[in-house]
Amino acid sequence: MELTISIILGFMIIGAIYALHAKDLLSAVIAIGMVGYGLVICFLLLKAPDLAIVQIVVETITLVIMVAVVLDSTRSEIETIPDRRSIVQMILGFIIFAGLFYFFIQAIENLDPLGAHTLRMSEIYVNGAVEKTGSVNLVTGVLFDFRAYDTLGEAVILYTAALGALTLLRMKGKK
């Protein structure tokens, strides 16, 4: 699993670097989307489907809004004949997409079947949460005591998505 996550992180780093150096704003937005969806696959591989759900929702909404803004703000399009470099970039993009899709399928196969229950982990939370956390509300005790890092991760995802959207929109305004 470490090798799979390392390969996905490599794709994410390539996408982030490409987004920094892209000449076209739409290409940069799509590259950022590749980074976000790669993170979804990493969360699934690490058996954190709740974080993956939050990330995929935030990433999809952000990507749709950013693409809509980019497409709406474009006044005219330059018509060019695809050169060799753009064809190579399209092929490379397809290969990266196919690789991420393959790892996505691998991540889904490692998840437990839908509806399968195992109490080996949750039994500790259910039986001793009130005494260990001091919180009468079980959900609050679990979220802010036992799973504080997980909750912090979700907050960081939401903050990063908003910050990324604002950064890209501000870059457009400066040009």
N, C-alpha and C. Protein backbone atom coordinates (compact mmCIF):
# COMPACT_ATOMS: atom_id res chain seq x y z
N MET A 1 0.82 -1.19 0.00
CA MET A 1 0.00 0.00 0.00
C MET A 1 0.87 1.26 0.00
N GLU A 2 2.04 1.20 0.63
CA GLU A 2 2.92 2.37 0.66
C GLU A 2 3.38 2.74 -0.74
N LEU A 3 3.65 1.74 -1.57
CA LEU A 3 4.07 2.00 -2.93
C LEU A 3 2.95 2.68 -3.72
N THR A 4 1.74 2.20 -3.54
CA THR A 4 0.59 2.79 -4.24
C THR A 4 0.40 4.25 -3.83
N ILE A 5 0.45 4.51 -2.54
CA ILE A 5 0.29 5.89 -2.06
C ILE A 5 1.45 6.76 -2.56
N SER A 6 2.65 6.22 -2.61
CA SER A 6 3.80 6.98 -3.11
C SER A 6 3.62 7.35 -4.57
N ILE A 7 3.10 6.43 -5.36
CA ILE A 7 2.88 6.71 -6.78
C ILE A 7 1.80 7.77 -6.95
N ILE A 8 0.73 7.66 -6.17
CA ILE A 8 -0.34 8.66 -6.25
C ILE A 8 0.18 10.02 -5.81
N LEU A 9 0.97 10.07 -4.74
CA LEU A 9 1.55 11.33 -4.30
C LEU A 9 2.47 11.93 -5.36
N GLY A 10 3.17 11.07 -6.09
CA GLY A 10 3.99 11.54 -7.21
C GLY A 10 3.15 12.21 -8.28
N PHE A 11 2.01 11.58 -8.64
CA PHE A 11 1.09 12.19 -9.60
C PHE A 11 0.55 13.52 -9.07
N MET A 12 0.26 13.56 -7.78
CA MET A 12 -0.26 14.80 -7.19
C MET A 12 0.79 15.91 -7.24
N ILE A 13 2.03 15.59 -6.98
CA ILE A 13 3.10 16.58 -7.04
C ILE A 13 3.29 17.08 -8.47
N ILE A 14 3.25 16.16 -9.43
CA ILE A 14 3.36 16.56 -10.84
C ILE A 14 2.21 17.49 -11.21
N GLY A 15 1.00 17.15 -10.77
CA GLY A 15 -0.16 18.00 -11.05
C GLY A 15 -0.02 19.38 -10.43
N ALA A 16 0.48 19.44 -9.20
CA ALA A 16 0.66 20.74 -8.53
C ALA A 16 1.72 21.58 -9.23
N ILE A 17 2.81 20.96 -9.64
CA ILE A 17 3.86 21.70 -10.35
C ILE A 17 3.34 22.18 -11.69
N TYR A 18 2.59 21.33 -12.39
CA TYR A 18 2.02 21.74 -13.67
C TYR A 18 1.05 22.91 -13.49
N ALA A 19 0.27 22.88 -12.42
CA ALA A 19 -0.69 23.97 -12.17
C ALA A 19 0.04 25.29 -11.93
N LEU A 20 1.21 25.24 -11.34
CA LEU A 20 1.98 26.46 -11.11
C LEU A 20 2.53 27.05 -12.40
N HIS A 21 2.86 26.19 -13.35
CA HIS A 21 3.53 26.66 -14.57
C HIS A 21 2.62 26.64 -15.80
N ALA A 22 1.35 26.35 -15.64
CA ALA A 22 0.44 26.27 -16.78
C ALA A 22 0.22 27.66 -17.36
N LYS A 23 0.21 27.72 -18.67
CA LYS A 23 -0.03 29.00 -19.34
C LYS A 23 -1.52 29.31 -19.42
N ASP A 24 -2.34 28.28 -19.42
CA ASP A 24 -3.78 28.43 -19.52
C ASP A 24 -4.40 28.22 -18.14
N LEU A 25 -5.30 29.11 -17.76
CA LEU A 25 -5.93 29.03 -16.44
C LEU A 25 -6.79 27.78 -16.29
N LEU A 26 -7.47 27.38 -17.35
CA LEU A 26 -8.30 26.17 -17.29
C LEU A 26 -7.45 24.93 -17.06
N SER A 27 -6.29 24.87 -17.69
CA SER A 27 -5.37 23.75 -17.46
C SER A 27 -4.90 23.71 -16.01
N ALA A 28 -4.66 24.87 -15.43
CA ALA A 28 -4.23 24.94 -14.03
C ALA A 28 -5.34 24.45 -13.11
N VAL A 29 -6.58 24.83 -13.41
CA VAL A 29 -7.71 24.40 -12.59
C VAL A 29 -7.87 22.88 -12.67
N ILE A 30 -7.74 22.32 -13.85
CA ILE A 30 -7.87 20.87 -14.00
C ILE A 30 -6.73 20.14 -13.30
N ALA A 31 -5.53 20.70 -13.35
CA ALA A 31 -4.40 20.09 -12.64
C ALA A 31 -4.62 20.11 -11.14
N ILE A 32 -5.18 21.19 -10.62
CA ILE A 32 -5.50 21.25 -9.19
C ILE A 32 -6.56 20.20 -8.85
N GLY A 33 -7.51 20.01 -9.76
CA GLY A 33 -8.51 18.95 -9.57
C GLY A 33 -7.88 17.58 -9.50
N MET A 34 -6.85 17.36 -10.31
CA MET A 34 -6.13 16.09 -10.28
C MET A 34 -5.48 15.88 -8.91
N VAL A 35 -4.96 16.93 -8.33
CA VAL A 35 -4.35 16.84 -7.00
C VAL A 35 -5.42 16.47 -5.96
N GLY A 36 -6.57 17.13 -6.03
CA GLY A 36 -7.64 16.87 -5.07
C GLY A 36 -8.21 15.46 -5.17
N TYR A 37 -8.42 14.99 -6.40
CA TYR A 37 -8.96 13.64 -6.55
C TYR A 37 -7.92 12.58 -6.20
N GLY A 38 -6.64 12.90 -6.38
CA GLY A 38 -5.59 12.00 -5.91
C GLY A 38 -5.63 11.86 -4.40
N LEU A 39 -5.93 12.97 -3.72
CA LEU A 39 -6.07 12.94 -2.26
C LEU A 39 -7.25 12.07 -1.83
N VAL A 40 -8.32 12.10 -2.62
CA VAL A 40 -9.48 11.22 -2.33
C VAL A 40 -9.04 9.76 -2.37
N ILE A 41 -8.27 9.40 -3.38
CA ILE A 41 -7.81 8.01 -3.50
C ILE A 41 -6.91 7.66 -2.31
N CYS A 42 -6.04 8.58 -1.90
CA CYS A 42 -5.17 8.32 -0.74
C CYS A 42 -6.00 8.10 0.52
N PHE A 43 -7.05 8.92 0.72
CA PHE A 43 -7.91 8.73 1.88
C PHE A 43 -8.60 7.37 1.85
N LEU A 44 -9.02 6.94 0.67
CA LEU A 44 -9.66 5.62 0.56
C LEU A 44 -8.67 4.51 0.87
N LEU A 45 -7.44 4.65 0.39
CA LEU A 45 -6.42 3.63 0.67
C LEU A 45 -6.09 3.57 2.16
N LEU A 46 -6.16 4.71 2.83
CA LEU A 46 -5.85 4.76 4.25
C LEU A 46 -7.06 4.45 5.12
N LYS A 47 -8.13 3.96 4.48
CA LYS A 47 -9.36 3.54 5.17
C LYS A 47 -10.01 4.69 5.95
N ALA A 48 -10.07 5.85 5.30
CA ALA A 48 -10.75 7.00 5.89
C ALA A 48 -11.82 7.48 4.91
N PRO A 49 -12.89 6.69 4.76
CA PRO A 49 -13.91 7.06 3.77
C PRO A 49 -14.65 8.34 4.12
N ASP A 50 -14.73 8.68 5.42
CA ASP A 50 -15.41 9.93 5.78
C ASP A 50 -14.64 11.14 5.26
N LEU A 51 -13.32 11.12 5.37
CA LEU A 51 -12.52 12.20 4.81
C LEU A 51 -12.60 12.20 3.29
N ALA A 52 -12.64 11.01 2.70
CA ALA A 52 -12.73 10.92 1.24
C ALA A 52 -14.04 11.53 0.74
N ILE A 53 -15.12 11.28 1.46
CA ILE A 53 -16.42 11.84 1.06
C ILE A 53 -16.39 13.36 1.14
N VAL A 54 -15.85 13.88 2.23
CA VAL A 54 -15.77 15.34 2.37
C VAL A 54 -14.89 15.92 1.27
N GLN A 55 -13.75 15.29 1.02
CA GLN A 55 -12.83 15.80 0.00
C GLN A 55 -13.44 15.74 -1.39
N ILE A 56 -14.14 14.67 -1.73
CA ILE A 56 -14.69 14.56 -3.08
C ILE A 56 -15.82 15.56 -3.29
N VAL A 57 -16.60 15.81 -2.25
CA VAL A 57 -17.67 16.80 -2.38
C VAL A 57 -17.07 18.20 -2.54
N VAL A 58 -16.12 18.54 -1.68
CA VAL A 58 -15.50 19.86 -1.77
C VAL A 58 -14.76 20.02 -3.09
N GLU A 59 -14.04 19.01 -3.50
CA GLU A 59 -13.27 19.08 -4.74
C GLU A 59 -14.18 19.22 -5.95
N THR A 60 -15.26 18.47 -5.99
CA THR A 60 -16.17 18.55 -7.13
C THR A 60 -16.84 19.92 -7.20
N ILE A 61 -17.35 20.40 -6.08
CA ILE A 61 -18.00 21.70 -6.07
C ILE A 61 -17.01 22.80 -6.45
N THR A 62 -15.83 22.77 -5.87
CA THR A 62 -14.83 23.78 -6.17
C THR A 62 -14.41 23.73 -7.64
N LEU A 63 -14.20 22.52 -8.15
CA LEU A 63 -13.79 22.37 -9.54
C LEU A 63 -14.87 22.87 -10.50
N VAL A 64 -16.12 22.56 -10.23
CA VAL A 64 -17.21 23.02 -11.09
C VAL A 64 -17.31 24.54 -11.06
N ILE A 65 -17.22 25.13 -9.88
CA ILE A 65 -17.29 26.59 -9.77
C ILE A 65 -16.12 27.24 -10.49
N MET A 66 -14.91 26.73 -10.27
CA MET A 66 -13.74 27.34 -10.89
C MET A 66 -13.77 27.20 -12.41
N VAL A 67 -14.19 26.04 -12.93
CA VAL A 67 -14.28 25.88 -14.38
C VAL A 67 -15.35 26.80 -14.95
N ALA A 68 -16.48 26.93 -14.25
CA ALA A 68 -17.54 27.83 -14.73
C ALA A 68 -17.05 29.27 -14.77
N VAL A 69 -16.31 29.68 -13.76
CA VAL A 69 -15.79 31.05 -13.73
C VAL A 69 -14.78 31.26 -14.85
N VAL A 70 -13.91 30.29 -15.06
CA VAL A 70 -12.90 30.43 -16.11
C VAL A 70 -13.57 30.47 -17.48
N LEU A 71 -14.53 29.59 -17.71
CA LEU A 71 -15.20 29.57 -19.01
C LEU A 71 -16.05 30.81 -19.23
N ASP A 72 -16.64 31.33 -18.18
CA ASP A 72 -17.47 32.52 -18.30
C ASP A 72 -16.64 33.77 -18.52
N SER A 73 -15.45 33.82 -17.96
CA SER A 73 -14.64 35.02 -18.04
C SER A 73 -13.82 35.09 -19.33
N THR A 74 -13.74 34.02 -20.07
CA THR A 74 -12.99 34.03 -21.32
C THR A 74 -13.78 34.78 -22.37
N ARG A 75 -13.21 35.83 -22.92
CA ARG A 75 -13.91 36.65 -23.90
C ARG A 75 -13.79 36.09 -25.31
N SER A 76 -12.64 35.61 -25.65
CA SER A 76 -12.46 35.04 -26.99
C SER A 76 -11.47 33.90 -26.90
N GLU A 77 -11.58 33.03 -27.84
CA GLU A 77 -10.68 31.89 -27.87
C GLU A 77 -9.76 32.01 -29.07
N ILE A 78 -8.54 31.66 -28.87
CA ILE A 78 -7.57 31.67 -29.96
C ILE A 78 -7.65 30.32 -30.65
N GLU A 79 -7.89 30.37 -31.93
CA GLU A 79 -7.98 29.11 -32.68
C GLU A 79 -6.60 28.75 -33.19
N THR A 80 -6.13 27.62 -32.74
CA THR A 80 -4.83 27.14 -33.17
C THR A 80 -4.95 25.69 -33.60
N ILE A 81 -4.08 25.33 -34.44
CA ILE A 81 -4.00 23.92 -34.85
C ILE A 81 -3.17 23.21 -33.81
N PRO A 82 -3.66 22.05 -33.33
CA PRO A 82 -2.88 21.35 -32.30
C PRO A 82 -1.49 20.99 -32.82
N ASP A 83 -0.48 21.41 -32.07
CA ASP A 83 0.88 21.06 -32.45
C ASP A 83 1.30 19.80 -31.73
N ARG A 84 2.52 19.42 -31.96
CA ARG A 84 3.02 18.16 -31.40
C ARG A 84 3.05 18.21 -29.87
N ARG A 85 3.40 19.37 -29.32
CA ARG A 85 3.49 19.50 -27.86
C ARG A 85 2.12 19.31 -27.21
N SER A 86 1.07 19.91 -27.77
CA SER A 86 -0.26 19.76 -27.18
C SER A 86 -0.78 18.33 -27.30
N ILE A 87 -0.43 17.65 -28.38
CA ILE A 87 -0.83 16.25 -28.52
C ILE A 87 -0.13 15.39 -27.47
N VAL A 88 1.14 15.64 -27.24
CA VAL A 88 1.89 14.90 -26.21
C VAL A 88 1.29 15.18 -24.84
N GLN A 89 0.91 16.43 -24.59
CA GLN A 89 0.29 16.78 -23.30
C GLN A 89 -1.05 16.07 -23.13
N MET A 90 -1.83 15.97 -24.19
CA MET A 90 -3.11 15.26 -24.09
C MET A 90 -2.89 13.78 -23.81
N ILE A 91 -1.92 13.18 -24.48
CA ILE A 91 -1.62 11.76 -24.24
C ILE A 91 -1.12 11.57 -22.82
N LEU A 92 -0.25 12.46 -22.36
CA LEU A 92 0.25 12.37 -21.00
C LEU A 92 -0.89 12.53 -19.99
N GLY A 93 -1.79 13.47 -20.25
CA GLY A 93 -2.95 13.65 -19.38
C GLY A 93 -3.82 12.41 -19.32
N PHE A 94 -4.03 11.76 -20.46
CA PHE A 94 -4.83 10.53 -20.48
C PHE A 94 -4.13 9.42 -19.71
N ILE A 95 -2.82 9.31 -19.83
CA ILE A 95 -2.07 8.28 -19.10
C ILE A 95 -2.17 8.53 -17.60
N ILE A 96 -2.05 9.78 -17.18
CA ILE A 96 -2.17 10.11 -15.75
C ILE A 96 -3.57 9.80 -15.26
N PHE A 97 -4.58 10.16 -16.05
CA PHE A 97 -5.97 9.86 -15.68
C PHE A 97 -6.18 8.36 -15.56
N ALA A 98 -5.66 7.60 -16.51
CA ALA A 98 -5.82 6.13 -16.47
C ALA A 98 -5.13 5.55 -15.24
N GLY A 99 -3.95 6.09 -14.90
CA GLY A 99 -3.24 5.61 -13.71
C GLY A 99 -4.01 5.91 -12.44
N LEU A 100 -4.54 7.12 -12.32
CA LEU A 100 -5.32 7.46 -11.13
C LEU A 100 -6.60 6.64 -11.06
N PHE A 101 -7.21 6.38 -12.21
CA PHE A 101 -8.43 5.57 -12.22
C PHE A 101 -8.11 4.14 -11.78
N TYR A 102 -6.98 3.60 -12.23
CA TYR A 102 -6.57 2.26 -11.80
C TYR A 102 -6.39 2.21 -10.29
N PHE A 103 -5.71 3.20 -9.71
CA PHE A 103 -5.50 3.22 -8.27
C PHE A 103 -6.81 3.44 -7.52
N PHE A 104 -7.73 4.18 -8.11
CA PHE A 104 -9.05 4.36 -7.52
C PHE A 104 -9.78 3.03 -7.41
N ILE A 105 -9.71 2.23 -8.47
CA ILE A 105 -10.34 0.89 -8.45
C ILE A 105 -9.68 0.02 -7.39
N GLN A 106 -8.36 0.08 -7.28
CA GLN A 106 -7.65 -0.70 -6.27
C GLN A 106 -8.06 -0.27 -4.86
N ALA A 107 -8.24 1.02 -4.66
CA ALA A 107 -8.63 1.53 -3.34
C ALA A 107 -10.03 1.06 -2.99
N ILE A 108 -10.94 1.05 -3.93
CA ILE A 108 -12.31 0.63 -3.66
C ILE A 108 -12.36 -0.86 -3.32
N GLU A 109 -11.52 -1.66 -3.97
CA GLU A 109 -11.51 -3.10 -3.68
C GLU A 109 -11.05 -3.39 -2.26
N ASN A 110 -10.26 -2.50 -1.67
CA ASN A 110 -9.75 -2.72 -0.31
C ASN A 110 -10.73 -2.30 0.77
N LEU A 111 -11.82 -1.63 0.41
CA LEU A 111 -12.80 -1.22 1.40
C LEU A 111 -13.66 -2.40 1.83
N ASP A 112 -14.20 -2.31 3.03
CA ASP A 112 -15.11 -3.34 3.51
C ASP A 112 -16.39 -3.29 2.68
N PRO A 113 -17.08 -4.43 2.55
CA PRO A 113 -18.35 -4.41 1.81
C PRO A 113 -19.35 -3.47 2.48
N LEU A 114 -20.20 -2.88 1.66
CA LEU A 114 -21.18 -1.93 2.15
C LEU A 114 -22.12 -2.62 3.14
N GLY A 115 -22.27 -2.06 4.32
CA GLY A 115 -23.16 -2.60 5.33
C GLY A 115 -22.50 -3.60 6.27
N ALA A 116 -21.22 -3.92 6.04
CA ALA A 116 -20.54 -4.88 6.92
C ALA A 116 -20.20 -4.20 8.25
N HIS A 117 -20.53 -4.89 9.33
CA HIS A 117 -20.28 -4.33 10.66
C HIS A 117 -19.14 -5.07 11.34
N THR A 118 -18.28 -4.32 11.93
CA THR A 118 -17.28 -4.88 12.82
C THR A 118 -17.23 -3.97 14.04
N LEU A 119 -17.35 -4.56 15.19
CA LEU A 119 -17.36 -3.78 16.43
C LEU A 119 -16.01 -3.78 17.13
N ARG A 120 -14.99 -4.32 16.51
CA ARG A 120 -13.73 -4.41 17.23
C ARG A 120 -13.16 -3.04 17.58
N MET A 121 -13.39 -2.01 16.76
CA MET A 121 -12.91 -0.68 17.07
C MET A 121 -13.97 0.17 17.77
N SER A 122 -15.20 0.08 17.33
CA SER A 122 -16.23 0.98 17.86
C SER A 122 -16.71 0.57 19.24
N GLU A 123 -16.44 -0.64 19.66
CA GLU A 123 -16.88 -1.08 20.98
C GLU A 123 -16.23 -0.24 22.09
N ILE A 124 -14.98 0.14 21.89
CA ILE A 124 -14.28 0.97 22.88
C ILE A 124 -14.96 2.33 23.00
N TYR A 125 -15.36 2.89 21.86
CA TYR A 125 -16.01 4.20 21.87
C TYR A 125 -17.38 4.13 22.54
N VAL A 126 -18.16 3.13 22.19
CA VAL A 126 -19.53 3.04 22.67
C VAL A 126 -19.58 2.76 24.17
N ASN A 127 -18.74 1.87 24.65
CA ASN A 127 -18.83 1.46 26.05
C ASN A 127 -18.15 2.41 27.03
N GLY A 128 -17.07 3.08 26.62
CA GLY A 128 -16.35 3.88 27.61
C GLY A 128 -16.17 5.33 27.26
N ALA A 129 -16.93 5.84 26.32
CA ALA A 129 -16.71 7.21 25.86
C ALA A 129 -17.05 8.25 26.92
N VAL A 130 -18.13 8.05 27.64
CA VAL A 130 -18.56 9.06 28.62
C VAL A 130 -17.53 9.18 29.74
N GLU A 131 -17.01 8.06 30.22
CA GLU A 131 -16.03 8.10 31.31
C GLU A 131 -14.69 8.67 30.82
N LYS A 132 -14.29 8.33 29.59
CA LYS A 132 -12.98 8.76 29.11
C LYS A 132 -12.96 10.21 28.64
N THR A 133 -14.06 10.69 28.08
CA THR A 133 -14.06 12.05 27.53
C THR A 133 -14.72 13.06 28.45
N GLY A 134 -15.61 12.62 29.30
CA GLY A 134 -16.34 13.54 30.15
C GLY A 134 -17.50 14.21 29.43
N SER A 135 -17.76 13.83 28.22
CA SER A 135 -18.84 14.41 27.43
C SER A 135 -20.04 13.49 27.46
N VAL A 136 -21.20 14.04 27.75
CA VAL A 136 -22.42 13.23 27.78
C VAL A 136 -22.84 12.87 26.36
N ASN A 137 -22.59 13.77 25.42
CA ASN A 137 -22.93 13.52 24.03
C ASN A 137 -21.85 12.63 23.41
N LEU A 138 -22.21 11.43 23.00
CA LEU A 138 -21.25 10.46 22.48
C LEU A 138 -20.59 10.96 21.19
N VAL A 139 -21.37 11.58 20.32
CA VAL A 139 -20.82 12.06 19.05
C VAL A 139 -19.78 13.15 19.28
N THR A 140 -20.08 14.08 20.16
CA THR A 140 -19.13 15.15 20.47
C THR A 140 -17.87 14.59 21.11
N GLY A 141 -18.03 13.65 22.01
CA GLY A 141 -16.88 13.04 22.65
C GLY A 141 -15.97 12.33 21.66
N VAL A 142 -16.58 11.61 20.74
CA VAL A 142 -15.78 10.88 19.75
C VAL A 142 -15.10 11.86 18.79
N LEU A 143 -15.84 12.86 18.31
CA LEU A 143 -15.27 13.78 17.32
C LEU A 143 -14.15 14.64 17.89
N PHE A 144 -14.31 15.15 19.08
CA PHE A 144 -13.33 16.11 19.59
C PHE A 144 -12.32 15.52 20.55
N ASP A 145 -12.47 14.26 20.93
CA ASP A 145 -11.48 13.65 21.81
C ASP A 145 -10.78 12.49 21.12
N PHE A 146 -11.54 11.48 20.75
CA PHE A 146 -10.93 10.30 20.13
C PHE A 146 -10.46 10.59 18.70
N ARG A 147 -11.23 11.37 17.94
CA ARG A 147 -10.92 11.58 16.52
C ARG A 147 -10.62 13.05 16.25
N ALA A 148 -9.91 13.67 17.13
CA ALA A 148 -9.61 15.09 16.97
C ALA A 148 -8.76 15.35 15.73
N TYR A 149 -7.79 14.48 15.46
CA TYR A 149 -6.95 14.68 14.27
C TYR A 149 -7.77 14.52 12.99
N ASP A 150 -8.70 13.59 13.01
CA ASP A 150 -9.57 13.40 11.86
C ASP A 150 -10.43 14.63 11.62
N THR A 151 -11.00 15.17 12.68
CA THR A 151 -11.81 16.39 12.56
C THR A 151 -10.94 17.56 12.11
N LEU A 152 -9.72 17.64 12.62
CA LEU A 152 -8.78 18.67 12.18
C LEU A 152 -8.48 18.51 10.70
N GLY A 153 -8.32 17.28 10.24
CA GLY A 153 -8.07 17.02 8.82
C GLY A 153 -9.22 17.50 7.94
N GLU A 154 -10.45 17.26 8.38
CA GLU A 154 -11.60 17.72 7.61
C GLU A 154 -11.65 19.24 7.56
N ALA A 155 -11.34 19.89 8.67
CA ALA A 155 -11.32 21.36 8.68
C ALA A 155 -10.22 21.89 7.77
N VAL A 156 -9.07 21.24 7.76
CA VAL A 156 -7.97 21.66 6.89
C VAL A 156 -8.36 21.50 5.43
N ILE A 157 -9.08 20.44 5.09
CA ILE A 157 -9.53 20.23 3.72
C ILE A 157 -10.45 21.36 3.29
N LEU A 158 -11.41 21.70 4.13
CA LEU A 158 -12.34 22.77 3.78
C LEU A 158 -11.61 24.11 3.64
N TYR A 159 -10.70 24.39 4.54
CA TYR A 159 -9.94 25.64 4.50
C TYR A 159 -9.05 25.69 3.26
N THR A 160 -8.38 24.59 2.95
CA THR A 160 -7.49 24.55 1.79
C THR A 160 -8.27 24.71 0.49
N ALA A 161 -9.44 24.10 0.40
CA ALA A 161 -10.26 24.24 -0.81
C ALA A 161 -10.67 25.70 -1.01
N ALA A 162 -11.11 26.35 0.06
CA ALA A 162 -11.51 27.75 -0.06
C ALA A 162 -10.31 28.63 -0.40
N LEU A 163 -9.18 28.37 0.23
CA LEU A 163 -7.98 29.16 -0.03
C LEU A 163 -7.48 28.95 -1.46
N GLY A 164 -7.53 27.72 -1.94
CA GLY A 164 -7.12 27.44 -3.32
C GLY A 164 -8.01 28.13 -4.34
N ALA A 165 -9.32 28.10 -4.10
CA ALA A 165 -10.25 28.78 -5.01
C ALA A 165 -9.99 30.28 -5.03
N LEU A 166 -9.81 30.87 -3.86
CA LEU A 166 -9.54 32.30 -3.80
C LEU A 166 -8.21 32.67 -4.46
N THR A 167 -7.21 31.82 -4.29
CA THR A 167 -5.90 32.08 -4.89
C THR A 167 -5.98 32.06 -6.40
N LEU A 168 -6.65 31.04 -6.94
CA LEU A 168 -6.76 30.96 -8.40
C LEU A 168 -7.59 32.11 -8.96
N LEU A 169 -8.65 32.48 -8.28
CA LEU A 169 -9.46 33.59 -8.76
C LEU A 169 -8.70 34.91 -8.65
N ARG A 170 -7.87 35.05 -7.64
CA ARG A 170 -7.09 36.27 -7.48
C ARG A 170 -6.01 36.36 -8.54
N MET A 171 -5.43 35.21 -8.92
CA MET A 171 -4.41 35.21 -9.98
C MET A 171 -5.02 35.71 -11.29
N LYS A 172 -6.25 35.35 -11.54
CA LYS A 172 -6.93 35.80 -12.75
C LYS A 172 -7.15 37.30 -12.71
N GLY A 173 -7.46 37.83 -11.52
CA GLY A 173 -7.72 39.25 -11.38
C GLY A 173 -6.46 40.10 -11.55
N LYS A 174 -5.28 39.55 -11.23
CA LYS A 174 -4.03 40.31 -11.33
C LYS A 174 -3.56 40.45 -12.75
N LYS A 175 -3.96 39.56 -13.65
CA LYS A 175 -3.46 39.59 -15.03
C LYS A 175 -4.11 40.60 -15.86
